[in-house]
Amino acid sequence: MMTDTGLITIGLVFLAYLWGSIPTAVLVCHALNIPDPRKKGSGNPGTTNVLRIGSRKGALFTLVGDAGKGILALLPCSLLQLSSTEQSFCALAAIIGHLFPLFSSFRGGKGIATTFGVCVSLFWPITVLQSCIWCLVFAVSRTASLASIATVLITPIIVGLTEPTYLPAILIISALLLLSHRVNISNLLQGKEPRF
C-alpha cells in the first residue's frame, strides 16, 4: 500500500512536470508582440532563438522564466526537506516537462536554462561552474549551441565530484539535453551552425 510520503512524492513529480511544461518563450513573445519562436528562426522556443528573432528583452525574460521553472519545480522539495532521490525525480520531471511540454503540444525547448534552474535548487555551486564554462566557450566560439553542449558534457563531471548523490539524475538529464541538441551537433560537425 502506498504511503502518504509516496503520494506526496508522486504529486510533486507531477507538479514539477507541469512547471516545466509552461512555454515561457511562447508566452513572453506573445506578451511582447514578438513572432512565435516556434514559427521563426530555428523554430526552437528558447532564449537563443528569441534573441535571433530580434528581442534582447524577450530573450532575457525567457532565460529568467525558464530558469525559474527549474527553481520553482524543486522548491517544494526543499521546503519539505525531501531526500536526494525524491529531488532527483522532480528535477528530471521538470526537464522532461520543458522538453515535452503538456501545454505546447509536447514541442518544447532544449532545456539548458531550466537545467540551470534545477541545479540551483539541487546544489547551487554547480551553476557557478556551469555559467563559467558556458561563458568561456561562448566567448571563444561565439556559438551558443557549442557553449551549451560543452556545459552539458562537463556537468556530470562537476556533479560527480561535488554532489554525487545527484549524478544518476544528471546523467539522464544530460543525455536528454544532448538528444535535444542533435541537429546543432550535426550542424557543428558540418560547420553550418550559426554564430553571434
N, C-alpha and C. Protein backbone atom coordinates (compact mmCIF):
# COMPACT_ATOMS: atom_id res chain seq x y z
N MET A 1 0.85 -1.20 0.00
CA MET A 1 0.00 0.00 0.00
C MET A 1 0.88 1.25 0.00
N MET A 2 0.51 2.27 -0.81
CA MET A 2 1.32 3.47 -0.92
C MET A 2 1.19 4.33 0.32
N THR A 3 2.31 4.80 0.81
CA THR A 3 2.32 5.66 1.99
C THR A 3 1.99 7.10 1.60
N ASP A 4 1.72 7.92 2.63
CA ASP A 4 1.44 9.34 2.38
C ASP A 4 2.65 10.01 1.74
N THR A 5 3.85 9.62 2.18
CA THR A 5 5.07 10.19 1.63
C THR A 5 5.20 9.86 0.15
N GLY A 6 4.86 8.63 -0.21
CA GLY A 6 4.91 8.22 -1.60
C GLY A 6 3.94 9.01 -2.46
N LEU A 7 2.74 9.25 -1.94
CA LEU A 7 1.74 10.03 -2.67
C LEU A 7 2.20 11.47 -2.85
N ILE A 8 2.81 12.02 -1.79
CA ILE A 8 3.33 13.39 -1.87
C ILE A 8 4.40 13.48 -2.94
N THR A 9 5.30 12.50 -2.96
CA THR A 9 6.38 12.50 -3.95
C THR A 9 5.82 12.44 -5.36
N ILE A 10 4.85 11.56 -5.59
CA ILE A 10 4.22 11.44 -6.92
C ILE A 10 3.57 12.77 -7.31
N GLY A 11 2.88 13.39 -6.36
CA GLY A 11 2.24 14.67 -6.62
C GLY A 11 3.25 15.75 -6.97
N LEU A 12 4.37 15.77 -6.25
CA LEU A 12 5.39 16.78 -6.52
C LEU A 12 6.10 16.55 -7.85
N VAL A 13 6.28 15.29 -8.22
CA VAL A 13 6.88 14.96 -9.51
C VAL A 13 5.96 15.45 -10.64
N PHE A 14 4.66 15.20 -10.49
CA PHE A 14 3.70 15.65 -11.49
C PHE A 14 3.67 17.18 -11.55
N LEU A 15 3.72 17.82 -10.39
CA LEU A 15 3.74 19.29 -10.34
C LEU A 15 4.99 19.84 -11.01
N ALA A 16 6.12 19.18 -10.78
CA ALA A 16 7.38 19.60 -11.42
C ALA A 16 7.27 19.51 -12.94
N TYR A 17 6.63 18.44 -13.42
CA TYR A 17 6.43 18.30 -14.86
C TYR A 17 5.57 19.44 -15.40
N LEU A 18 4.51 19.80 -14.65
CA LEU A 18 3.64 20.89 -15.08
C LEU A 18 4.38 22.22 -15.11
N TRP A 19 5.20 22.46 -14.08
CA TRP A 19 6.01 23.68 -14.07
C TRP A 19 6.91 23.71 -15.31
N GLY A 20 7.56 22.60 -15.57
CA GLY A 20 8.45 22.52 -16.72
C GLY A 20 7.73 22.71 -18.03
N SER A 21 6.44 22.37 -18.06
CA SER A 21 5.67 22.45 -19.30
C SER A 21 5.26 23.86 -19.69
N ILE A 22 5.40 24.81 -18.78
CA ILE A 22 4.99 26.18 -19.10
C ILE A 22 5.85 26.71 -20.26
N PRO A 23 5.24 27.08 -21.38
CA PRO A 23 6.01 27.52 -22.57
C PRO A 23 6.45 28.97 -22.45
N THR A 24 7.49 29.19 -21.66
CA THR A 24 7.94 30.55 -21.35
C THR A 24 8.16 31.41 -22.58
N ALA A 25 8.93 30.89 -23.54
CA ALA A 25 9.27 31.69 -24.72
C ALA A 25 8.02 32.10 -25.49
N VAL A 26 7.07 31.19 -25.63
CA VAL A 26 5.84 31.48 -26.36
C VAL A 26 5.04 32.57 -25.64
N LEU A 27 4.94 32.45 -24.31
CA LEU A 27 4.19 33.44 -23.53
C LEU A 27 4.87 34.80 -23.56
N VAL A 28 6.19 34.81 -23.45
CA VAL A 28 6.94 36.07 -23.48
C VAL A 28 6.77 36.75 -24.83
N CYS A 29 6.93 35.99 -25.91
CA CYS A 29 6.80 36.56 -27.24
C CYS A 29 5.40 37.09 -27.50
N HIS A 30 4.42 36.38 -26.99
CA HIS A 30 3.03 36.84 -27.14
C HIS A 30 2.83 38.14 -26.38
N ALA A 31 3.36 38.21 -25.16
CA ALA A 31 3.19 39.40 -24.33
C ALA A 31 3.90 40.61 -24.93
N LEU A 32 5.04 40.38 -25.58
CA LEU A 32 5.83 41.49 -26.14
C LEU A 32 5.56 41.73 -27.62
N ASN A 33 4.56 41.05 -28.15
CA ASN A 33 4.20 41.22 -29.56
C ASN A 33 5.34 40.82 -30.50
N ILE A 34 6.02 39.74 -30.15
CA ILE A 34 7.12 39.21 -30.94
C ILE A 34 6.59 37.96 -31.66
N PRO A 35 7.07 37.67 -32.88
CA PRO A 35 6.60 36.47 -33.58
C PRO A 35 6.82 35.19 -32.74
N ASP A 36 5.94 34.25 -32.90
CA ASP A 36 6.04 32.97 -32.20
C ASP A 36 7.38 32.31 -32.54
N PRO A 37 8.23 32.03 -31.54
CA PRO A 37 9.56 31.47 -31.82
C PRO A 37 9.51 30.08 -32.44
N ARG A 38 8.35 29.41 -32.33
CA ARG A 38 8.21 28.09 -32.95
C ARG A 38 8.03 28.20 -34.46
N LYS A 39 7.75 29.43 -34.93
CA LYS A 39 7.50 29.64 -36.35
C LYS A 39 8.54 30.53 -37.01
N LYS A 40 9.52 30.99 -36.23
CA LYS A 40 10.57 31.86 -36.76
C LYS A 40 11.94 31.33 -36.37
N GLY A 41 12.96 31.77 -37.09
CA GLY A 41 14.33 31.37 -36.76
C GLY A 41 14.52 29.88 -36.85
N SER A 42 15.07 29.32 -35.78
CA SER A 42 15.33 27.87 -35.74
C SER A 42 14.08 27.07 -35.41
N GLY A 43 13.02 27.76 -34.96
CA GLY A 43 11.79 27.07 -34.58
C GLY A 43 11.82 26.57 -33.15
N ASN A 44 12.90 26.88 -32.44
CA ASN A 44 13.03 26.42 -31.06
C ASN A 44 12.52 27.49 -30.09
N PRO A 45 11.59 27.12 -29.19
CA PRO A 45 11.08 28.10 -28.23
C PRO A 45 12.02 28.26 -27.05
N GLY A 46 13.15 28.91 -27.29
CA GLY A 46 14.14 29.09 -26.24
C GLY A 46 14.81 30.45 -26.33
N THR A 47 15.68 30.72 -25.38
CA THR A 47 16.33 32.03 -25.26
C THR A 47 17.08 32.44 -26.53
N THR A 48 17.90 31.53 -27.05
CA THR A 48 18.74 31.87 -28.21
C THR A 48 17.90 32.24 -29.42
N ASN A 49 16.83 31.49 -29.66
CA ASN A 49 16.01 31.78 -30.83
C ASN A 49 15.23 33.08 -30.66
N VAL A 50 14.78 33.36 -29.44
CA VAL A 50 14.09 34.64 -29.20
C VAL A 50 15.05 35.79 -29.45
N LEU A 51 16.31 35.61 -29.08
CA LEU A 51 17.33 36.63 -29.34
C LEU A 51 17.56 36.78 -30.84
N ARG A 52 17.59 35.66 -31.55
CA ARG A 52 17.79 35.71 -33.01
C ARG A 52 16.63 36.41 -33.71
N ILE A 53 15.44 36.21 -33.18
CA ILE A 53 14.27 36.86 -33.77
C ILE A 53 14.41 38.38 -33.65
N GLY A 54 15.19 38.82 -32.66
CA GLY A 54 15.48 40.24 -32.58
C GLY A 54 15.08 40.92 -31.30
N SER A 55 14.87 40.17 -30.22
CA SER A 55 14.45 40.82 -28.98
C SER A 55 15.35 40.41 -27.82
N ARG A 56 16.22 41.33 -27.41
CA ARG A 56 17.06 41.06 -26.24
C ARG A 56 16.22 41.00 -24.97
N LYS A 57 15.24 41.88 -24.90
CA LYS A 57 14.35 41.91 -23.74
C LYS A 57 13.59 40.59 -23.64
N GLY A 58 13.05 40.14 -24.75
CA GLY A 58 12.33 38.87 -24.75
C GLY A 58 13.23 37.71 -24.40
N ALA A 59 14.46 37.72 -24.91
CA ALA A 59 15.42 36.65 -24.61
C ALA A 59 15.74 36.62 -23.12
N LEU A 60 15.91 37.81 -22.52
CA LEU A 60 16.22 37.87 -21.09
C LEU A 60 15.06 37.33 -20.26
N PHE A 61 13.85 37.74 -20.61
CA PHE A 61 12.67 37.25 -19.89
C PHE A 61 12.52 35.73 -20.05
N THR A 62 12.82 35.24 -21.25
CA THR A 62 12.73 33.80 -21.49
C THR A 62 13.76 33.04 -20.66
N LEU A 63 14.97 33.56 -20.63
CA LEU A 63 16.04 32.93 -19.84
C LEU A 63 15.66 32.87 -18.37
N VAL A 64 15.21 33.99 -17.83
CA VAL A 64 14.84 34.04 -16.41
C VAL A 64 13.64 33.14 -16.13
N GLY A 65 12.67 33.17 -17.04
CA GLY A 65 11.47 32.34 -16.85
C GLY A 65 11.77 30.86 -16.90
N ASP A 66 12.59 30.44 -17.87
CA ASP A 66 12.92 29.02 -17.99
C ASP A 66 13.75 28.54 -16.80
N ALA A 67 14.70 29.37 -16.36
CA ALA A 67 15.48 29.00 -15.17
C ALA A 67 14.57 28.97 -13.94
N GLY A 68 13.67 29.94 -13.88
CA GLY A 68 12.73 30.00 -12.76
C GLY A 68 11.86 28.76 -12.66
N LYS A 69 11.49 28.20 -13.80
CA LYS A 69 10.69 26.97 -13.79
C LYS A 69 11.42 25.86 -13.04
N GLY A 70 12.72 25.74 -13.31
CA GLY A 70 13.51 24.70 -12.65
C GLY A 70 13.59 24.91 -11.16
N ILE A 71 13.74 26.18 -10.76
CA ILE A 71 13.81 26.50 -9.33
C ILE A 71 12.48 26.22 -8.64
N LEU A 72 11.40 26.70 -9.24
CA LEU A 72 10.07 26.52 -8.64
C LEU A 72 9.66 25.05 -8.58
N ALA A 73 10.08 24.29 -9.58
CA ALA A 73 9.72 22.87 -9.62
C ALA A 73 10.29 22.11 -8.42
N LEU A 74 11.46 22.56 -7.95
CA LEU A 74 12.10 21.87 -6.83
C LEU A 74 11.92 22.57 -5.49
N LEU A 75 11.30 23.74 -5.51
CA LEU A 75 11.10 24.49 -4.26
C LEU A 75 10.34 23.69 -3.20
N PRO A 76 9.23 23.00 -3.57
CA PRO A 76 8.54 22.21 -2.54
C PRO A 76 9.42 21.11 -1.95
N CYS A 77 10.29 20.55 -2.76
CA CYS A 77 11.20 19.50 -2.27
C CYS A 77 12.13 20.07 -1.19
N SER A 78 12.62 21.28 -1.43
CA SER A 78 13.49 21.91 -0.46
C SER A 78 12.74 22.24 0.82
N LEU A 79 11.53 22.78 0.67
CA LEU A 79 10.74 23.18 1.84
C LEU A 79 10.36 21.96 2.69
N LEU A 80 10.11 20.84 2.03
CA LEU A 80 9.72 19.62 2.74
C LEU A 80 10.92 18.76 3.12
N GLN A 81 12.12 19.22 2.73
CA GLN A 81 13.37 18.51 3.03
C GLN A 81 13.32 17.05 2.56
N LEU A 82 12.92 16.88 1.31
CA LEU A 82 12.84 15.54 0.75
C LEU A 82 14.24 15.00 0.46
N SER A 83 14.32 13.70 0.27
CA SER A 83 15.61 13.05 0.04
C SER A 83 16.17 13.44 -1.33
N SER A 84 17.45 13.18 -1.52
CA SER A 84 18.10 13.50 -2.80
C SER A 84 17.46 12.71 -3.94
N THR A 85 17.01 11.49 -3.65
CA THR A 85 16.35 10.68 -4.68
C THR A 85 15.05 11.31 -5.12
N GLU A 86 14.25 11.77 -4.16
CA GLU A 86 12.97 12.40 -4.48
C GLU A 86 13.19 13.73 -5.22
N GLN A 87 14.19 14.48 -4.80
CA GLN A 87 14.51 15.71 -5.50
C GLN A 87 14.98 15.43 -6.93
N SER A 88 15.71 14.35 -7.09
CA SER A 88 16.18 13.97 -8.43
C SER A 88 15.02 13.65 -9.36
N PHE A 89 14.00 12.95 -8.84
CA PHE A 89 12.82 12.64 -9.64
C PHE A 89 12.13 13.93 -10.09
N CYS A 90 12.02 14.89 -9.18
CA CYS A 90 11.38 16.16 -9.52
C CYS A 90 12.21 16.94 -10.53
N ALA A 91 13.52 16.90 -10.37
CA ALA A 91 14.40 17.59 -11.32
C ALA A 91 14.23 17.01 -12.73
N LEU A 92 14.23 15.70 -12.81
CA LEU A 92 14.06 15.03 -14.10
C LEU A 92 12.70 15.34 -14.70
N ALA A 93 11.66 15.37 -13.86
CA ALA A 93 10.31 15.68 -14.34
C ALA A 93 10.22 17.08 -14.91
N ALA A 94 10.89 18.04 -14.25
CA ALA A 94 10.87 19.42 -14.74
C ALA A 94 11.52 19.53 -16.11
N ILE A 95 12.64 18.83 -16.30
CA ILE A 95 13.33 18.88 -17.59
C ILE A 95 12.49 18.20 -18.67
N ILE A 96 11.90 17.06 -18.34
CA ILE A 96 11.03 16.38 -19.31
C ILE A 96 9.86 17.28 -19.68
N GLY A 97 9.32 17.98 -18.68
CA GLY A 97 8.23 18.91 -18.94
C GLY A 97 8.64 20.01 -19.91
N HIS A 98 9.86 20.51 -19.76
CA HIS A 98 10.35 21.56 -20.66
C HIS A 98 10.57 21.02 -22.07
N LEU A 99 11.15 19.84 -22.16
CA LEU A 99 11.43 19.25 -23.48
C LEU A 99 10.17 18.79 -24.19
N PHE A 100 9.22 18.26 -23.39
CA PHE A 100 7.98 17.72 -23.96
C PHE A 100 6.79 18.30 -23.19
N PRO A 101 6.51 19.60 -23.39
CA PRO A 101 5.51 20.29 -22.57
C PRO A 101 4.06 19.92 -22.89
N LEU A 102 3.32 19.65 -21.84
CA LEU A 102 1.91 19.33 -21.96
C LEU A 102 1.13 20.49 -22.57
N PHE A 103 1.53 21.73 -22.25
CA PHE A 103 0.78 22.91 -22.66
C PHE A 103 1.17 23.44 -24.04
N SER A 104 2.08 22.76 -24.71
CA SER A 104 2.54 23.26 -26.02
C SER A 104 2.76 22.12 -27.00
N SER A 105 1.77 21.20 -27.03
CA SER A 105 1.79 20.08 -27.98
C SER A 105 3.06 19.24 -27.90
N PHE A 106 3.64 19.16 -26.70
CA PHE A 106 4.84 18.34 -26.45
C PHE A 106 6.04 18.78 -27.30
N ARG A 107 6.01 20.05 -27.72
CA ARG A 107 7.11 20.61 -28.50
C ARG A 107 7.78 21.70 -27.69
N GLY A 108 8.87 21.37 -27.03
CA GLY A 108 9.50 22.30 -26.11
C GLY A 108 10.85 22.80 -26.56
N GLY A 109 11.54 23.43 -25.62
CA GLY A 109 12.86 23.96 -25.88
C GLY A 109 13.93 22.91 -25.68
N LYS A 110 15.16 23.36 -25.52
CA LYS A 110 16.28 22.43 -25.44
C LYS A 110 16.78 22.20 -24.02
N GLY A 111 16.23 22.94 -23.07
CA GLY A 111 16.40 22.57 -21.67
C GLY A 111 17.59 23.14 -20.92
N ILE A 112 18.40 23.98 -21.53
CA ILE A 112 19.61 24.44 -20.86
C ILE A 112 19.28 25.35 -19.67
N ALA A 113 18.46 26.38 -19.90
CA ALA A 113 18.14 27.32 -18.82
C ALA A 113 17.38 26.62 -17.68
N THR A 114 16.46 25.74 -18.03
CA THR A 114 15.71 25.02 -16.99
C THR A 114 16.63 24.11 -16.20
N THR A 115 17.62 23.53 -16.85
CA THR A 115 18.60 22.71 -16.15
C THR A 115 19.42 23.55 -15.18
N PHE A 116 19.79 24.77 -15.59
CA PHE A 116 20.47 25.68 -14.67
C PHE A 116 19.62 25.90 -13.43
N GLY A 117 18.33 26.17 -13.65
CA GLY A 117 17.42 26.39 -12.52
C GLY A 117 17.33 25.20 -11.60
N VAL A 118 17.24 24.02 -12.19
CA VAL A 118 17.20 22.78 -11.41
C VAL A 118 18.47 22.64 -10.58
N CYS A 119 19.61 22.92 -11.20
CA CYS A 119 20.89 22.78 -10.49
C CYS A 119 21.03 23.80 -9.37
N VAL A 120 20.44 24.99 -9.55
CA VAL A 120 20.43 25.99 -8.48
C VAL A 120 19.76 25.40 -7.24
N SER A 121 18.65 24.71 -7.46
CA SER A 121 17.91 24.13 -6.33
C SER A 121 18.60 22.91 -5.74
N LEU A 122 19.20 22.10 -6.59
CA LEU A 122 19.86 20.89 -6.09
C LEU A 122 21.12 21.23 -5.31
N PHE A 123 21.99 22.05 -5.91
CA PHE A 123 23.27 22.38 -5.28
C PHE A 123 23.84 23.56 -6.03
N TRP A 124 23.55 24.79 -5.55
CA TRP A 124 23.79 26.00 -6.34
C TRP A 124 25.23 26.20 -6.82
N PRO A 125 26.27 25.75 -6.09
CA PRO A 125 27.62 25.96 -6.63
C PRO A 125 27.85 25.34 -8.01
N ILE A 126 27.05 24.30 -8.34
CA ILE A 126 27.17 23.69 -9.67
C ILE A 126 26.96 24.73 -10.75
N THR A 127 25.96 25.61 -10.54
CA THR A 127 25.61 26.57 -11.58
C THR A 127 26.68 27.64 -11.77
N VAL A 128 27.45 27.91 -10.73
CA VAL A 128 28.55 28.87 -10.88
C VAL A 128 29.56 28.33 -11.89
N LEU A 129 29.91 27.06 -11.73
CA LEU A 129 30.86 26.43 -12.66
C LEU A 129 30.24 26.29 -14.05
N GLN A 130 28.96 25.92 -14.10
CA GLN A 130 28.29 25.80 -15.39
C GLN A 130 28.30 27.13 -16.14
N SER A 131 27.99 28.20 -15.43
CA SER A 131 27.95 29.53 -16.05
C SER A 131 29.33 29.94 -16.56
N CYS A 132 30.36 29.64 -15.79
CA CYS A 132 31.73 29.97 -16.21
C CYS A 132 32.11 29.21 -17.48
N ILE A 133 31.76 27.92 -17.52
CA ILE A 133 32.07 27.10 -18.69
C ILE A 133 31.32 27.63 -19.91
N TRP A 134 30.02 27.90 -19.74
CA TRP A 134 29.20 28.37 -20.86
C TRP A 134 29.77 29.67 -21.41
N CYS A 135 30.04 30.61 -20.52
CA CYS A 135 30.54 31.93 -20.95
C CYS A 135 31.90 31.83 -21.62
N LEU A 136 32.76 30.98 -21.09
CA LEU A 136 34.10 30.82 -21.66
C LEU A 136 34.03 30.26 -23.08
N VAL A 137 33.26 29.17 -23.25
CA VAL A 137 33.14 28.55 -24.57
C VAL A 137 32.46 29.50 -25.55
N PHE A 138 31.45 30.21 -25.09
CA PHE A 138 30.75 31.15 -25.98
C PHE A 138 31.67 32.30 -26.38
N ALA A 139 32.46 32.81 -25.42
CA ALA A 139 33.36 33.92 -25.72
C ALA A 139 34.37 33.54 -26.79
N VAL A 140 34.81 32.29 -26.77
CA VAL A 140 35.81 31.82 -27.74
C VAL A 140 35.16 31.48 -29.08
N SER A 141 34.02 30.81 -29.02
CA SER A 141 33.41 30.27 -30.25
C SER A 141 32.33 31.16 -30.85
N ARG A 142 31.71 32.01 -30.02
CA ARG A 142 30.55 32.82 -30.43
C ARG A 142 29.41 31.95 -30.92
N THR A 143 29.32 30.76 -30.39
CA THR A 143 28.28 29.81 -30.79
C THR A 143 27.56 29.31 -29.55
N ALA A 144 26.29 29.70 -29.40
CA ALA A 144 25.53 29.37 -28.20
C ALA A 144 25.35 27.86 -28.02
N SER A 145 25.09 27.17 -29.11
CA SER A 145 24.85 25.72 -29.01
C SER A 145 26.11 24.99 -28.57
N LEU A 146 27.26 25.41 -29.06
CA LEU A 146 28.52 24.76 -28.65
C LEU A 146 28.78 25.00 -27.17
N ALA A 147 28.50 26.21 -26.70
CA ALA A 147 28.66 26.52 -25.28
C ALA A 147 27.73 25.64 -24.44
N SER A 148 26.51 25.47 -24.92
CA SER A 148 25.53 24.66 -24.19
C SER A 148 25.94 23.19 -24.17
N ILE A 149 26.37 22.68 -25.31
CA ILE A 149 26.77 21.27 -25.40
C ILE A 149 27.99 20.99 -24.52
N ALA A 150 28.95 21.90 -24.55
CA ALA A 150 30.13 21.74 -23.70
C ALA A 150 29.75 21.72 -22.23
N THR A 151 28.83 22.59 -21.85
CA THR A 151 28.37 22.64 -20.46
C THR A 151 27.65 21.35 -20.07
N VAL A 152 26.83 20.85 -20.98
CA VAL A 152 26.11 19.59 -20.73
C VAL A 152 27.09 18.44 -20.53
N LEU A 153 28.14 18.39 -21.32
CA LEU A 153 29.11 17.30 -21.23
C LEU A 153 29.94 17.36 -19.95
N ILE A 154 30.21 18.57 -19.48
CA ILE A 154 31.06 18.73 -18.30
C ILE A 154 30.25 18.65 -17.00
N THR A 155 28.96 18.96 -17.05
CA THR A 155 28.14 18.98 -15.83
C THR A 155 28.18 17.66 -15.05
N PRO A 156 28.06 16.48 -15.69
CA PRO A 156 28.14 15.24 -14.90
C PRO A 156 29.45 15.09 -14.14
N ILE A 157 30.53 15.58 -14.72
CA ILE A 157 31.83 15.52 -14.04
C ILE A 157 31.81 16.41 -12.80
N ILE A 158 31.26 17.62 -12.96
CA ILE A 158 31.16 18.55 -11.84
C ILE A 158 30.32 17.95 -10.72
N VAL A 159 29.16 17.40 -11.10
CA VAL A 159 28.26 16.82 -10.11
C VAL A 159 28.89 15.61 -9.44
N GLY A 160 29.56 14.78 -10.23
CA GLY A 160 30.22 13.59 -9.67
C GLY A 160 31.27 13.93 -8.64
N LEU A 161 31.92 15.08 -8.83
CA LEU A 161 32.98 15.49 -7.91
C LEU A 161 32.46 16.27 -6.70
N THR A 162 31.31 16.93 -6.87
CA THR A 162 30.82 17.81 -5.81
C THR A 162 29.60 17.28 -5.06
N GLU A 163 28.67 16.66 -5.77
CA GLU A 163 27.42 16.19 -5.15
C GLU A 163 26.96 14.92 -5.86
N PRO A 164 27.71 13.82 -5.67
CA PRO A 164 27.47 12.60 -6.45
C PRO A 164 26.10 11.94 -6.25
N THR A 165 25.39 12.31 -5.18
CA THR A 165 24.06 11.71 -4.97
C THR A 165 23.10 12.08 -6.10
N TYR A 166 23.38 13.19 -6.78
CA TYR A 166 22.51 13.62 -7.88
C TYR A 166 23.00 13.15 -9.25
N LEU A 167 24.11 12.43 -9.27
CA LEU A 167 24.72 12.06 -10.54
C LEU A 167 23.81 11.22 -11.44
N PRO A 168 23.10 10.20 -10.93
CA PRO A 168 22.23 9.42 -11.84
C PRO A 168 21.22 10.30 -12.59
N ALA A 169 20.57 11.21 -11.86
CA ALA A 169 19.58 12.09 -12.50
C ALA A 169 20.25 13.02 -13.50
N ILE A 170 21.42 13.55 -13.15
CA ILE A 170 22.13 14.47 -14.04
C ILE A 170 22.59 13.76 -15.31
N LEU A 171 22.99 12.50 -15.19
CA LEU A 171 23.38 11.73 -16.38
C LEU A 171 22.21 11.57 -17.33
N ILE A 172 21.03 11.28 -16.79
CA ILE A 172 19.84 11.14 -17.64
C ILE A 172 19.48 12.48 -18.27
N ILE A 173 19.52 13.54 -17.46
CA ILE A 173 19.20 14.87 -17.97
C ILE A 173 20.19 15.27 -19.07
N SER A 174 21.46 15.00 -18.85
CA SER A 174 22.48 15.34 -19.85
C SER A 174 22.24 14.60 -21.16
N ALA A 175 21.87 13.32 -21.06
CA ALA A 175 21.58 12.55 -22.27
C ALA A 175 20.39 13.14 -23.02
N LEU A 176 19.36 13.55 -22.29
CA LEU A 176 18.18 14.16 -22.92
C LEU A 176 18.55 15.48 -23.59
N LEU A 177 19.40 16.26 -22.93
CA LEU A 177 19.79 17.55 -23.50
C LEU A 177 20.63 17.37 -24.76
N LEU A 178 21.50 16.38 -24.75
CA LEU A 178 22.29 16.10 -25.96
C LEU A 178 21.38 15.68 -27.11
N LEU A 179 20.37 14.88 -26.81
CA LEU A 179 19.40 14.49 -27.84
C LEU A 179 18.66 15.70 -28.38
N SER A 180 18.33 16.62 -27.50
CA SER A 180 17.61 17.82 -27.93
C SER A 180 18.50 18.72 -28.80
N HIS A 181 19.82 18.54 -28.70
CA HIS A 181 20.76 19.33 -29.50
C HIS A 181 21.33 18.55 -30.69
N ARG A 182 20.68 17.46 -31.06
CA ARG A 182 21.26 16.60 -32.11
C ARG A 182 21.40 17.34 -33.44
N VAL A 183 20.46 18.20 -33.78
CA VAL A 183 20.57 18.98 -35.03
C VAL A 183 21.74 19.94 -34.93
N ASN A 184 21.89 20.57 -33.77
CA ASN A 184 23.01 21.51 -33.57
C ASN A 184 24.34 20.78 -33.68
N ILE A 185 24.41 19.57 -33.10
CA ILE A 185 25.64 18.79 -33.16
C ILE A 185 25.99 18.47 -34.61
N SER A 186 24.97 18.08 -35.38
CA SER A 186 25.19 17.80 -36.80
C SER A 186 25.67 19.04 -37.54
N ASN A 187 25.05 20.18 -37.25
CA ASN A 187 25.46 21.43 -37.90
C ASN A 187 26.87 21.84 -37.52
N LEU A 188 27.23 21.62 -36.25
CA LEU A 188 28.58 21.95 -35.80
C LEU A 188 29.62 21.10 -36.54
N LEU A 189 29.32 19.83 -36.69
CA LEU A 189 30.25 18.93 -37.37
C LEU A 189 30.41 19.31 -38.85
N GLN A 190 29.35 19.90 -39.41
CA GLN A 190 29.39 20.29 -40.82
C GLN A 190 29.81 21.76 -41.01
N GLY A 191 30.05 22.44 -39.89
CA GLY A 191 30.44 23.85 -39.97
C GLY A 191 29.30 24.77 -40.38
N LYS A 192 28.07 24.37 -40.11
CA LYS A 192 26.91 25.16 -40.54
C LYS A 192 26.18 25.86 -39.40
N GLU A 193 26.64 25.67 -38.17
CA GLU A 193 25.93 26.24 -37.03
C GLU A 193 26.08 27.76 -36.98
N PRO A 194 24.96 28.50 -36.83
CA PRO A 194 25.05 29.98 -36.80
C PRO A 194 25.86 30.47 -35.60
N ARG A 195 26.54 31.59 -35.80
CA ARG A 195 27.33 32.22 -34.74
C ARG A 195 26.78 33.60 -34.47
N PHE A 196 27.13 34.14 -33.31
CA PHE A 196 26.72 35.50 -32.96
C PHE A 196 27.87 36.47 -33.21
